[in-house]
């Protein structure tokens, strides 16, 4: 029977006992996310891999995308897209009712749950 070489270290087993446990844990998280494959937003296949820092390439549709250093989408990008979606939703409803009131007055009917609870979106 062949034993595994590392029990908890995983990808950071190459560092041995050097650099401290906390730093190795942080590096493990980053290295796992940067070597993972991500789903392409253009073709829908799970084939985006990291080429260099912040550069991600889809092998299926041959598109190159800019993203985060270690993950394709960062937390800041997710928040920005959420806010942009809410604003677009509000704009569509306000344009449909032709209201010039404050945004809190003309609330969209279909987007109310996304506006009230950010965790639900």
N, C-alpha and C. Protein backbone atom coordinates (compact mmCIF):
# COMPACT_ATOMS: atom_id res chain seq x y z
N UNK A 1 0.85 -1.18 0.00
CA UNK A 1 0.00 0.00 0.00
C UNK A 1 0.89 1.24 0.00
N UNK A 2 0.56 2.17 -0.87
CA UNK A 2 1.34 3.40 -0.99
C UNK A 2 0.68 4.48 -0.16
N UNK A 3 1.46 5.11 0.71
CA UNK A 3 0.93 6.19 1.53
C UNK A 3 0.98 7.51 0.79
N UNK A 4 0.06 8.41 1.17
CA UNK A 4 0.11 9.75 0.61
C UNK A 4 1.34 10.46 1.18
N UNK A 5 1.92 11.33 0.40
CA UNK A 5 3.11 12.02 0.86
C UNK A 5 2.79 13.11 1.87
N UNK A 6 1.65 13.77 1.68
CA UNK A 6 1.28 14.85 2.59
C UNK A 6 -0.13 14.61 3.08
N UNK A 7 -0.38 14.90 4.34
CA UNK A 7 -1.72 14.71 4.89
C UNK A 7 -2.54 15.99 4.78
N UNK A 8 -2.05 17.09 5.35
CA UNK A 8 -2.79 18.34 5.34
C UNK A 8 -2.15 19.37 4.40
N UNK A 9 -0.88 19.20 4.09
CA UNK A 9 -0.16 20.24 3.36
C UNK A 9 -0.66 20.40 1.93
N UNK A 10 -0.95 19.30 1.26
CA UNK A 10 -1.45 19.38 -0.11
C UNK A 10 -0.42 19.97 -1.04
N UNK A 11 -0.82 21.00 -1.76
CA UNK A 11 0.04 21.63 -2.77
C UNK A 11 1.24 22.35 -2.14
N UNK A 12 1.13 22.70 -0.86
CA UNK A 12 2.23 23.40 -0.20
C UNK A 12 3.17 22.45 0.52
N UNK A 13 3.04 21.15 0.28
CA UNK A 13 3.96 20.19 0.86
C UNK A 13 5.39 20.40 0.39
N UNK A 14 5.54 21.07 -0.76
CA UNK A 14 6.88 21.34 -1.30
C UNK A 14 7.67 22.30 -0.41
N UNK A 15 6.96 23.04 0.46
CA UNK A 15 7.66 23.99 1.34
C UNK A 15 8.15 23.34 2.63
N UNK A 16 7.70 22.12 2.92
CA UNK A 16 8.13 21.41 4.12
C UNK A 16 7.69 22.14 5.38
N UNK A 17 8.63 22.29 6.34
CA UNK A 17 8.30 22.97 7.59
C UNK A 17 8.67 24.45 7.54
N UNK A 18 9.10 24.92 6.42
CA UNK A 18 9.55 26.32 6.30
C UNK A 18 8.37 27.30 6.22
N UNK A 19 8.60 28.52 6.58
CA UNK A 19 7.72 29.69 6.41
C UNK A 19 6.56 29.78 7.39
N UNK A 20 6.27 28.79 8.19
CA UNK A 20 5.20 28.88 9.17
C UNK A 20 3.88 28.37 8.64
N UNK A 21 3.05 27.85 9.55
CA UNK A 21 1.79 27.21 9.15
C UNK A 21 0.79 28.20 8.58
N UNK A 22 0.71 29.40 9.15
CA UNK A 22 -0.27 30.38 8.68
C UNK A 22 0.03 30.83 7.26
N UNK A 23 1.29 31.08 6.96
CA UNK A 23 1.66 31.50 5.61
C UNK A 23 1.46 30.38 4.60
N UNK A 24 1.78 29.16 5.02
CA UNK A 24 1.57 28.02 4.11
C UNK A 24 0.08 27.82 3.82
N UNK A 25 -0.77 28.06 4.82
CA UNK A 25 -2.21 27.92 4.63
C UNK A 25 -2.73 28.97 3.64
N UNK A 26 -2.23 30.19 3.76
CA UNK A 26 -2.63 31.26 2.85
C UNK A 26 -2.18 30.95 1.42
N UNK A 27 -0.93 30.51 1.29
CA UNK A 27 -0.39 30.20 -0.03
C UNK A 27 -1.13 29.01 -0.64
N UNK A 28 -1.53 28.05 0.19
CA UNK A 28 -2.28 26.89 -0.30
C UNK A 28 -3.59 27.33 -0.94
N UNK A 29 -4.29 28.24 -0.28
CA UNK A 29 -5.56 28.74 -0.80
C UNK A 29 -5.36 29.43 -2.15
N UNK A 30 -4.31 30.26 -2.23
CA UNK A 30 -4.05 30.98 -3.48
C UNK A 30 -3.63 30.03 -4.60
N UNK A 31 -2.76 29.08 -4.30
CA UNK A 31 -2.28 28.18 -5.35
C UNK A 31 -3.37 27.25 -5.85
N UNK A 32 -4.27 26.82 -4.98
CA UNK A 32 -5.38 25.97 -5.42
C UNK A 32 -6.30 26.76 -6.35
N UNK A 33 -6.60 28.02 -5.99
CA UNK A 33 -7.51 28.81 -6.82
C UNK A 33 -6.87 29.22 -8.14
N UNK A 34 -5.56 29.44 -8.16
CA UNK A 34 -4.94 29.87 -9.41
C UNK A 34 -4.72 28.71 -10.38
N UNK A 35 -4.64 27.48 -9.88
CA UNK A 35 -4.46 26.33 -10.77
C UNK A 35 -5.77 25.68 -11.15
N UNK A 36 -6.89 26.16 -10.60
CA UNK A 36 -8.20 25.58 -10.90
C UNK A 36 -8.68 26.02 -12.29
N UNK A 37 -9.65 25.28 -12.82
CA UNK A 37 -10.30 25.70 -14.07
C UNK A 37 -11.62 26.37 -13.71
N UNK A 38 -11.99 27.38 -14.48
CA UNK A 38 -13.20 28.16 -14.24
C UNK A 38 -14.11 28.07 -15.45
N UNK A 39 -15.39 28.37 -15.24
CA UNK A 39 -16.39 28.32 -16.31
C UNK A 39 -16.31 29.58 -17.16
N UNK A 40 -16.27 29.39 -18.45
CA UNK A 40 -16.19 30.50 -19.40
C UNK A 40 -17.56 31.17 -19.54
N UNK A 41 -17.58 32.50 -19.47
CA UNK A 41 -18.85 33.22 -19.61
C UNK A 41 -19.30 33.30 -21.06
N UNK A 42 -18.40 33.04 -22.00
CA UNK A 42 -18.74 33.13 -23.42
C UNK A 42 -19.28 31.81 -23.97
N UNK A 43 -18.59 30.69 -23.68
CA UNK A 43 -19.01 29.41 -24.24
C UNK A 43 -19.65 28.49 -23.21
N UNK A 44 -19.51 28.79 -21.91
CA UNK A 44 -20.14 28.00 -20.87
C UNK A 44 -19.37 26.75 -20.47
N UNK A 45 -18.21 26.51 -21.05
CA UNK A 45 -17.43 25.32 -20.72
C UNK A 45 -16.49 25.60 -19.55
N UNK A 46 -16.12 24.56 -18.86
CA UNK A 46 -15.24 24.67 -17.70
C UNK A 46 -13.79 24.56 -18.18
N UNK A 47 -13.31 25.61 -18.87
CA UNK A 47 -12.01 25.50 -19.53
C UNK A 47 -11.16 26.77 -19.45
N UNK A 48 -11.45 27.65 -18.51
CA UNK A 48 -10.61 28.84 -18.36
C UNK A 48 -9.49 28.53 -17.38
N UNK A 49 -8.26 28.78 -17.81
CA UNK A 49 -7.09 28.56 -16.97
C UNK A 49 -6.28 29.86 -16.92
N UNK A 50 -5.50 30.00 -15.86
CA UNK A 50 -4.67 31.19 -15.68
C UNK A 50 -3.43 31.08 -16.55
N UNK A 51 -3.14 32.15 -17.31
CA UNK A 51 -1.96 32.20 -18.16
C UNK A 51 -0.83 32.93 -17.44
N UNK A 52 -1.16 34.09 -16.90
CA UNK A 52 -0.21 34.90 -16.15
C UNK A 52 -1.02 35.66 -15.10
N UNK A 53 -0.37 36.53 -14.35
CA UNK A 53 -1.06 37.26 -13.29
C UNK A 53 -2.18 38.11 -13.89
N UNK A 54 -3.42 37.79 -13.57
CA UNK A 54 -4.56 38.56 -14.03
C UNK A 54 -5.00 38.26 -15.45
N UNK A 55 -4.38 37.31 -16.13
CA UNK A 55 -4.74 36.97 -17.52
C UNK A 55 -5.25 35.54 -17.54
N UNK A 56 -6.48 35.35 -18.03
CA UNK A 56 -7.14 34.05 -18.05
C UNK A 56 -7.53 33.73 -19.48
N UNK A 57 -7.33 32.47 -19.91
CA UNK A 57 -7.57 32.07 -21.29
C UNK A 57 -8.47 30.84 -21.35
N UNK A 58 -9.46 30.89 -22.22
CA UNK A 58 -10.36 29.75 -22.44
C UNK A 58 -9.81 28.91 -23.60
N UNK A 59 -9.57 27.64 -23.33
CA UNK A 59 -9.04 26.76 -24.37
C UNK A 59 -10.11 26.38 -25.38
N UNK A 60 -11.37 26.41 -24.98
CA UNK A 60 -12.45 25.97 -25.86
C UNK A 60 -12.77 27.02 -26.93
N UNK A 61 -12.99 28.27 -26.50
CA UNK A 61 -13.38 29.31 -27.47
C UNK A 61 -12.25 30.29 -27.78
N UNK A 62 -11.07 30.06 -27.22
CA UNK A 62 -9.86 30.85 -27.51
C UNK A 62 -9.97 32.31 -27.13
N UNK A 63 -10.81 32.62 -26.13
CA UNK A 63 -10.92 34.01 -25.67
C UNK A 63 -9.99 34.22 -24.48
N UNK A 64 -9.43 35.42 -24.39
CA UNK A 64 -8.57 35.80 -23.28
C UNK A 64 -9.28 36.90 -22.50
N UNK A 65 -9.31 36.75 -21.17
CA UNK A 65 -10.06 37.65 -20.31
C UNK A 65 -9.14 38.17 -19.22
N UNK A 66 -9.33 39.42 -18.82
CA UNK A 66 -8.62 39.96 -17.67
C UNK A 66 -9.44 39.67 -16.42
N UNK A 67 -8.75 39.30 -15.35
CA UNK A 67 -9.44 38.98 -14.11
C UNK A 67 -8.55 39.27 -12.93
N UNK A 68 -8.80 38.58 -11.83
CA UNK A 68 -7.99 38.75 -10.64
C UNK A 68 -6.67 38.01 -10.77
N UNK A 69 -5.78 38.25 -9.82
CA UNK A 69 -4.46 37.62 -9.86
C UNK A 69 -4.55 36.12 -9.58
N UNK A 70 -5.38 35.71 -8.63
CA UNK A 70 -5.45 34.31 -8.24
C UNK A 70 -6.78 33.66 -8.56
N UNK A 71 -7.84 34.44 -8.73
CA UNK A 71 -9.15 33.92 -9.13
C UNK A 71 -9.66 34.73 -10.31
N UNK A 72 -10.54 34.11 -11.08
CA UNK A 72 -11.06 34.80 -12.26
C UNK A 72 -11.88 36.02 -11.87
N UNK A 73 -12.76 35.87 -10.90
CA UNK A 73 -13.59 36.99 -10.44
C UNK A 73 -13.25 37.30 -9.00
N UNK A 74 -12.95 38.56 -8.72
CA UNK A 74 -12.64 38.97 -7.36
C UNK A 74 -13.92 39.39 -6.65
N UNK A 75 -13.85 39.57 -5.35
CA UNK A 75 -15.02 39.98 -4.57
C UNK A 75 -15.48 41.38 -4.98
N UNK A 76 -14.56 42.25 -5.30
CA UNK A 76 -14.92 43.60 -5.72
C UNK A 76 -15.68 43.59 -7.03
N UNK A 77 -15.30 42.73 -7.94
CA UNK A 77 -16.01 42.62 -9.22
C UNK A 77 -17.43 42.12 -9.00
N UNK A 78 -17.58 41.13 -8.10
CA UNK A 78 -18.91 40.61 -7.81
C UNK A 78 -19.82 41.70 -7.25
N UNK A 79 -19.30 42.51 -6.32
CA UNK A 79 -20.10 43.59 -5.75
C UNK A 79 -20.45 44.64 -6.80
N UNK A 80 -19.50 44.96 -7.67
CA UNK A 80 -19.76 45.96 -8.72
C UNK A 80 -20.83 45.47 -9.68
N UNK A 81 -20.78 44.18 -10.05
CA UNK A 81 -21.80 43.64 -10.96
C UNK A 81 -23.17 43.61 -10.31
N UNK A 82 -23.21 43.32 -9.01
CA UNK A 82 -24.48 43.32 -8.29
C UNK A 82 -25.08 44.72 -8.26
N UNK A 83 -24.26 45.72 -7.95
CA UNK A 83 -24.74 47.10 -7.91
C UNK A 83 -25.19 47.58 -9.29
N UNK A 84 -24.44 47.19 -10.33
CA UNK A 84 -24.80 47.58 -11.69
C UNK A 84 -26.14 46.95 -12.09
N UNK A 85 -26.35 45.70 -11.72
CA UNK A 85 -27.61 45.03 -12.03
C UNK A 85 -28.79 45.71 -11.35
N UNK A 86 -28.59 46.11 -10.09
CA UNK A 86 -29.67 46.80 -9.37
C UNK A 86 -30.00 48.13 -10.03
N UNK A 87 -28.97 48.88 -10.43
CA UNK A 87 -29.21 50.18 -11.07
C UNK A 87 -29.90 50.02 -12.41
N UNK A 88 -29.51 49.02 -13.19
CA UNK A 88 -30.17 48.78 -14.48
C UNK A 88 -31.63 48.40 -14.28
N UNK A 89 -31.90 47.61 -13.26
CA UNK A 89 -33.27 47.19 -12.96
C UNK A 89 -34.11 48.41 -12.58
N UNK A 90 -33.56 49.26 -11.73
CA UNK A 90 -34.28 50.48 -11.34
C UNK A 90 -34.51 51.39 -12.53
N UNK A 91 -33.53 51.52 -13.40
CA UNK A 91 -33.66 52.40 -14.56
C UNK A 91 -34.77 51.91 -15.49
N UNK A 92 -34.85 50.59 -15.71
CA UNK A 92 -35.88 50.05 -16.59
C UNK A 92 -37.27 50.31 -16.04
N UNK A 93 -37.46 50.13 -14.75
CA UNK A 93 -38.77 50.35 -14.15
C UNK A 93 -39.11 51.83 -14.15
N UNK A 94 -38.16 52.68 -13.82
CA UNK A 94 -38.43 54.12 -13.81
C UNK A 94 -38.72 54.62 -15.22
N UNK A 95 -38.03 54.08 -16.23
CA UNK A 95 -38.30 54.48 -17.61
C UNK A 95 -39.68 53.99 -18.04
N UNK A 96 -40.08 52.82 -17.58
CA UNK A 96 -41.38 52.28 -17.96
C UNK A 96 -42.51 53.11 -17.37
N UNK A 97 -42.35 53.62 -16.15
CA UNK A 97 -43.38 54.43 -15.53
C UNK A 97 -43.19 55.92 -15.76
N UNK A 98 -42.11 56.30 -16.43
CA UNK A 98 -41.79 57.69 -16.73
C UNK A 98 -41.84 58.56 -15.47
N UNK A 99 -41.27 58.06 -14.41
CA UNK A 99 -41.29 58.83 -13.17
C UNK A 99 -39.96 59.55 -12.99
N UNK A 100 -40.02 60.70 -12.43
CA UNK A 100 -38.83 61.49 -12.14
C UNK A 100 -38.59 61.54 -10.64
N UNK A 101 -39.25 60.69 -9.89
CA UNK A 101 -39.14 60.70 -8.43
C UNK A 101 -37.82 60.07 -8.01
N UNK A 102 -37.58 60.09 -6.73
CA UNK A 102 -36.38 59.47 -6.18
C UNK A 102 -36.41 57.97 -6.43
N UNK A 103 -35.25 57.35 -6.45
CA UNK A 103 -35.17 55.92 -6.75
C UNK A 103 -35.89 55.08 -5.70
N UNK A 104 -35.97 55.57 -4.48
CA UNK A 104 -36.63 54.80 -3.44
C UNK A 104 -38.14 54.78 -3.63
N UNK A 105 -38.68 55.75 -4.36
CA UNK A 105 -40.12 55.82 -4.57
C UNK A 105 -40.57 54.85 -5.65
N UNK A 106 -39.87 54.84 -6.78
CA UNK A 106 -40.27 53.94 -7.87
C UNK A 106 -39.43 52.68 -7.81
N UNK A 107 -39.90 51.72 -7.03
CA UNK A 107 -39.18 50.47 -6.84
C UNK A 107 -39.69 49.44 -7.84
N UNK A 108 -38.79 48.69 -8.42
CA UNK A 108 -39.23 47.67 -9.37
C UNK A 108 -39.95 46.52 -8.66
N UNK A 109 -40.97 46.01 -9.30
CA UNK A 109 -41.75 44.93 -8.71
C UNK A 109 -40.96 43.63 -8.77
N UNK A 110 -40.34 43.33 -9.91
CA UNK A 110 -39.62 42.08 -10.08
C UNK A 110 -38.30 42.03 -9.36
N UNK A 111 -37.72 43.17 -9.01
CA UNK A 111 -36.39 43.21 -8.43
C UNK A 111 -36.42 43.58 -6.95
N UNK A 112 -37.57 43.54 -6.32
CA UNK A 112 -37.69 43.98 -4.93
C UNK A 112 -36.86 43.12 -3.99
N UNK A 113 -36.84 41.80 -4.22
CA UNK A 113 -36.09 40.93 -3.31
C UNK A 113 -34.59 41.19 -3.43
N UNK A 114 -34.11 41.48 -4.62
CA UNK A 114 -32.68 41.76 -4.78
C UNK A 114 -32.30 43.09 -4.16
N UNK A 115 -33.24 44.03 -4.13
CA UNK A 115 -32.93 45.33 -3.55
C UNK A 115 -32.99 45.30 -2.03
N UNK A 116 -33.95 44.56 -1.48
CA UNK A 116 -34.11 44.54 -0.04
C UNK A 116 -33.05 43.69 0.66
N UNK A 117 -32.73 42.53 0.06
CA UNK A 117 -31.80 41.60 0.71
C UNK A 117 -30.62 41.34 -0.22
N UNK A 118 -29.44 41.93 0.03
CA UNK A 118 -28.30 41.72 -0.86
C UNK A 118 -27.79 40.29 -0.83
N UNK A 119 -28.06 39.54 0.23
CA UNK A 119 -27.61 38.16 0.30
C UNK A 119 -28.44 37.26 -0.63
N UNK A 120 -29.67 37.68 -0.93
CA UNK A 120 -30.53 36.86 -1.78
C UNK A 120 -30.11 36.92 -3.23
N UNK A 121 -29.40 37.95 -3.65
CA UNK A 121 -29.02 38.09 -5.06
C UNK A 121 -27.76 37.35 -5.38
